[in-house]
Structure formats: structure tokens, C-alpha cells
Amino acid sequence: MVTLNFIKNDWVKEKNGSRIMKVDEYQIIESIIYADGNPALPIVKRSYNGRVWCTWVNENKTVVTQPFWESDLESVVPSSMQL
């Protein structure tokens, strides 16, 4: 079982980075296995591959979406949301 560190719309940044990003989704991949090695019985399994898609606005005011390894991110609270 996989324990996820973030949920959709969490604010994160790269470790030792300053760019604040919003989590969009976890990257799920589909892998095909064959029951008893029989190619006539394919089974499709979905699994999390360790990447998180994040979105931010760059210096040119362009929206950028990019995948990051979950282990390279840390949770933050944007300054506009701090008390």
C-alpha cells in the first residue's frame, strides 16, 4: 500500500527551492501482466509511479505543469495564507 504525502491543491515547493506550486495529480501508470503467463489473459493494473504533477505561473505569466518526484517536494503555506 502506498502512503501519499500530498493531496490535490496542496501547496508545495522543491526541497531547497523557492518556487511555490500547486499539486494537480499523482501520475498513475498502467502495467499489463498475464495470468499464468498466458498472453490471452491480460490483466491491466494501475499503480502510482512516484511522480506528482504540479502547476505554477512562471516569470512570463505562463502556466506551467510539470511532474516532480514526490520525495523532492515539501509542503508549504503560501505567504498570503499565513496568519
N, C-alpha and C. Protein backbone atom coordinates (compact mmCIF):
# COMPACT_ATOMS: atom_id res chain seq x y z
N MET A 1 0.84 -1.18 0.00
CA MET A 1 0.00 0.00 0.00
C MET A 1 0.88 1.24 0.00
N VAL A 2 0.52 2.22 -0.80
CA VAL A 2 1.28 3.45 -0.94
C VAL A 2 0.68 4.53 -0.05
N THR A 3 1.53 5.23 0.70
CA THR A 3 1.08 6.35 1.51
C THR A 3 1.44 7.63 0.75
N LEU A 4 0.44 8.41 0.39
CA LEU A 4 0.66 9.65 -0.36
C LEU A 4 0.88 10.81 0.60
N ASN A 5 1.83 11.67 0.28
CA ASN A 5 2.18 12.79 1.16
C ASN A 5 1.35 14.04 0.91
N PHE A 6 0.78 14.17 -0.28
CA PHE A 6 0.05 15.38 -0.64
C PHE A 6 -1.29 15.00 -1.25
N ILE A 7 -2.20 15.97 -1.29
CA ILE A 7 -3.46 15.78 -1.98
C ILE A 7 -3.62 16.91 -2.99
N LYS A 8 -4.59 16.76 -3.88
CA LYS A 8 -4.83 17.77 -4.91
C LYS A 8 -5.03 19.14 -4.25
N ASN A 9 -4.43 20.15 -4.85
CA ASN A 9 -4.48 21.56 -4.42
C ASN A 9 -3.62 21.87 -3.19
N ASP A 10 -2.79 20.94 -2.74
CA ASP A 10 -1.81 21.26 -1.70
C ASP A 10 -0.76 22.19 -2.29
N TRP A 11 -0.20 23.07 -1.46
CA TRP A 11 0.89 23.94 -1.88
C TRP A 11 2.20 23.26 -1.53
N VAL A 12 3.12 23.19 -2.49
CA VAL A 12 4.40 22.53 -2.28
C VAL A 12 5.51 23.34 -2.93
N LYS A 13 6.75 22.98 -2.60
CA LYS A 13 7.91 23.54 -3.29
C LYS A 13 8.96 22.45 -3.33
N GLU A 14 9.92 22.61 -4.25
CA GLU A 14 11.03 21.67 -4.30
C GLU A 14 11.88 21.88 -3.05
N LYS A 15 12.46 20.81 -2.53
CA LYS A 15 13.35 20.95 -1.38
C LYS A 15 14.49 21.88 -1.77
N ASN A 16 14.81 22.82 -0.91
CA ASN A 16 15.84 23.84 -1.14
C ASN A 16 15.49 24.76 -2.30
N GLY A 17 14.22 24.83 -2.69
CA GLY A 17 13.79 25.73 -3.76
C GLY A 17 12.90 26.82 -3.22
N SER A 18 12.51 27.75 -4.07
CA SER A 18 11.66 28.85 -3.62
C SER A 18 10.35 28.95 -4.40
N ARG A 19 10.25 28.24 -5.54
CA ARG A 19 9.05 28.31 -6.38
C ARG A 19 7.91 27.55 -5.70
N ILE A 20 6.79 28.24 -5.45
CA ILE A 20 5.62 27.61 -4.84
C ILE A 20 4.70 27.11 -5.95
N MET A 21 4.27 25.83 -5.80
CA MET A 21 3.46 25.19 -6.82
C MET A 21 2.24 24.54 -6.17
N LYS A 22 1.28 24.23 -6.98
CA LYS A 22 0.06 23.57 -6.52
C LYS A 22 0.02 22.16 -7.09
N VAL A 23 -0.30 21.18 -6.24
CA VAL A 23 -0.38 19.79 -6.68
C VAL A 23 -1.63 19.60 -7.53
N ASP A 24 -1.46 19.01 -8.72
CA ASP A 24 -2.58 18.72 -9.59
C ASP A 24 -3.04 17.28 -9.44
N GLU A 25 -2.12 16.35 -9.61
CA GLU A 25 -2.49 14.94 -9.52
C GLU A 25 -1.26 14.07 -9.40
N TYR A 26 -1.50 12.84 -8.98
CA TYR A 26 -0.44 11.84 -8.94
C TYR A 26 -0.38 11.13 -10.28
N GLN A 27 0.81 10.79 -10.72
CA GLN A 27 0.96 10.11 -12.00
C GLN A 27 0.74 8.61 -11.80
N ILE A 28 -0.25 8.09 -12.50
CA ILE A 28 -0.60 6.67 -12.43
C ILE A 28 -0.22 6.03 -13.76
N ILE A 29 0.42 4.87 -13.68
CA ILE A 29 0.76 4.15 -14.90
C ILE A 29 -0.01 2.84 -14.94
N GLU A 30 -0.21 2.34 -16.13
CA GLU A 30 -0.87 1.05 -16.30
C GLU A 30 0.16 0.03 -16.75
N SER A 31 0.20 -1.09 -16.05
CA SER A 31 1.09 -2.15 -16.46
C SER A 31 0.26 -3.39 -16.77
N ILE A 32 0.72 -4.15 -17.74
CA ILE A 32 -0.02 -5.33 -18.16
C ILE A 32 0.75 -6.56 -17.70
N ILE A 33 0.04 -7.44 -17.02
CA ILE A 33 0.61 -8.73 -16.65
C ILE A 33 -0.30 -9.80 -17.23
N TYR A 34 0.23 -10.98 -17.35
CA TYR A 34 -0.54 -12.07 -17.94
C TYR A 34 -0.76 -13.17 -16.91
N ALA A 35 -2.02 -13.54 -16.71
CA ALA A 35 -2.36 -14.60 -15.75
C ALA A 35 -1.70 -15.90 -16.20
N ASP A 36 -0.95 -16.49 -15.32
CA ASP A 36 -0.27 -17.77 -15.59
C ASP A 36 0.62 -17.71 -16.82
N GLY A 37 1.09 -16.52 -17.19
CA GLY A 37 1.95 -16.37 -18.35
C GLY A 37 1.25 -16.53 -19.68
N ASN A 38 -0.07 -16.55 -19.66
CA ASN A 38 -0.86 -16.75 -20.88
C ASN A 38 -1.17 -15.40 -21.51
N PRO A 39 -0.66 -15.13 -22.72
CA PRO A 39 -0.91 -13.83 -23.35
C PRO A 39 -2.37 -13.61 -23.73
N ALA A 40 -3.19 -14.64 -23.65
CA ALA A 40 -4.62 -14.48 -23.96
C ALA A 40 -5.39 -13.95 -22.76
N LEU A 41 -4.75 -13.90 -21.58
CA LEU A 41 -5.42 -13.42 -20.36
C LEU A 41 -4.69 -12.22 -19.76
N PRO A 42 -4.70 -11.08 -20.46
CA PRO A 42 -4.00 -9.91 -19.92
C PRO A 42 -4.79 -9.29 -18.76
N ILE A 43 -4.04 -8.81 -17.78
CA ILE A 43 -4.62 -8.10 -16.64
C ILE A 43 -3.93 -6.74 -16.57
N VAL A 44 -4.72 -5.67 -16.58
CA VAL A 44 -4.18 -4.32 -16.52
C VAL A 44 -4.25 -3.85 -15.07
N LYS A 45 -3.10 -3.47 -14.53
CA LYS A 45 -3.05 -2.95 -13.17
C LYS A 45 -2.60 -1.51 -13.21
N ARG A 46 -3.22 -0.69 -12.39
CA ARG A 46 -2.84 0.72 -12.28
C ARG A 46 -2.02 0.88 -11.01
N SER A 47 -0.93 1.63 -11.10
CA SER A 47 -0.11 1.84 -9.93
C SER A 47 0.53 3.23 -9.97
N TYR A 48 0.84 3.74 -8.80
CA TYR A 48 1.48 5.05 -8.66
C TYR A 48 2.98 4.88 -8.91
N ASN A 49 3.56 5.76 -9.72
CA ASN A 49 4.97 5.61 -10.07
C ASN A 49 5.90 6.55 -9.31
N GLY A 50 5.40 7.32 -8.35
CA GLY A 50 6.25 8.18 -7.54
C GLY A 50 6.34 9.62 -7.98
N ARG A 51 5.61 9.98 -9.04
CA ARG A 51 5.66 11.36 -9.53
C ARG A 51 4.36 12.10 -9.24
N VAL A 52 4.51 13.41 -9.01
CA VAL A 52 3.39 14.30 -8.74
C VAL A 52 3.42 15.41 -9.78
N TRP A 53 2.29 15.70 -10.41
CA TRP A 53 2.20 16.80 -11.38
C TRP A 53 1.85 18.07 -10.62
N CYS A 54 2.65 19.11 -10.82
CA CYS A 54 2.45 20.39 -10.14
C CYS A 54 2.32 21.51 -11.17
N THR A 55 1.58 22.56 -10.79
CA THR A 55 1.36 23.70 -11.67
C THR A 55 1.78 24.98 -10.96
N TRP A 56 2.38 25.91 -11.73
CA TRP A 56 2.74 27.22 -11.22
C TRP A 56 2.75 28.20 -12.38
N VAL A 57 2.86 29.48 -12.08
CA VAL A 57 2.94 30.53 -13.10
C VAL A 57 4.39 31.02 -13.11
N ASN A 58 5.03 30.96 -14.30
CA ASN A 58 6.43 31.37 -14.37
C ASN A 58 6.55 32.89 -14.53
N GLU A 59 7.79 33.35 -14.69
CA GLU A 59 8.05 34.80 -14.76
C GLU A 59 7.45 35.45 -15.99
N ASN A 60 7.10 34.68 -17.02
CA ASN A 60 6.46 35.21 -18.23
C ASN A 60 4.94 35.14 -18.15
N LYS A 61 4.42 34.88 -16.97
CA LYS A 61 2.97 34.78 -16.74
C LYS A 61 2.34 33.61 -17.51
N THR A 62 3.12 32.55 -17.71
CA THR A 62 2.65 31.36 -18.40
C THR A 62 2.42 30.26 -17.37
N VAL A 63 1.31 29.55 -17.50
CA VAL A 63 1.02 28.44 -16.60
C VAL A 63 1.84 27.23 -17.04
N VAL A 64 2.59 26.67 -16.11
CA VAL A 64 3.45 25.52 -16.39
C VAL A 64 3.00 24.35 -15.53
N THR A 65 2.91 23.18 -16.14
CA THR A 65 2.61 21.95 -15.41
C THR A 65 3.73 20.96 -15.68
N GLN A 66 4.28 20.40 -14.61
CA GLN A 66 5.45 19.54 -14.76
C GLN A 66 5.42 18.46 -13.67
N PRO A 67 5.92 17.25 -13.98
CA PRO A 67 5.99 16.21 -12.95
C PRO A 67 7.25 16.35 -12.10
N PHE A 68 7.14 16.03 -10.82
CA PHE A 68 8.26 16.02 -9.89
C PHE A 68 8.19 14.72 -9.09
N TRP A 69 9.33 14.23 -8.67
CA TRP A 69 9.32 13.09 -7.76
C TRP A 69 8.75 13.56 -6.43
N GLU A 70 7.85 12.80 -5.86
CA GLU A 70 7.22 13.19 -4.60
C GLU A 70 8.26 13.41 -3.51
N SER A 71 9.32 12.62 -3.51
CA SER A 71 10.35 12.74 -2.49
C SER A 71 11.15 14.04 -2.61
N ASP A 72 11.07 14.74 -3.76
CA ASP A 72 11.78 16.00 -3.96
C ASP A 72 10.95 17.22 -3.55
N LEU A 73 9.74 17.00 -3.05
CA LEU A 73 8.84 18.10 -2.70
C LEU A 73 8.63 18.18 -1.20
N GLU A 74 8.31 19.39 -0.73
CA GLU A 74 7.94 19.59 0.67
C GLU A 74 6.73 20.51 0.73
N SER A 75 5.92 20.33 1.74
CA SER A 75 4.71 21.11 1.91
C SER A 75 5.03 22.52 2.37
N VAL A 76 4.26 23.50 1.88
CA VAL A 76 4.45 24.90 2.30
C VAL A 76 3.08 25.55 2.45
N VAL A 77 3.07 26.68 3.15
CA VAL A 77 1.88 27.52 3.24
C VAL A 77 2.25 28.84 2.58
N PRO A 78 1.57 29.20 1.48
CA PRO A 78 1.91 30.47 0.81
C PRO A 78 1.78 31.66 1.76
N SER A 79 2.61 32.67 1.57
CA SER A 79 2.62 33.83 2.46
C SER A 79 1.26 34.52 2.54
N SER A 80 0.47 34.47 1.48
CA SER A 80 -0.85 35.10 1.50
C SER A 80 -1.83 34.33 2.38
N MET A 81 -1.49 33.09 2.76
CA MET A 81 -2.38 32.27 3.56
C MET A 81 -1.91 32.18 5.01
N GLN A 82 -0.72 32.67 5.33
CA GLN A 82 -0.20 32.59 6.68
C GLN A 82 -0.91 33.60 7.57
N LEU A 83 -1.06 33.24 8.82
CA LEU A 83 -1.72 34.14 9.78
C LEU A 83 -0.73 35.07 10.42
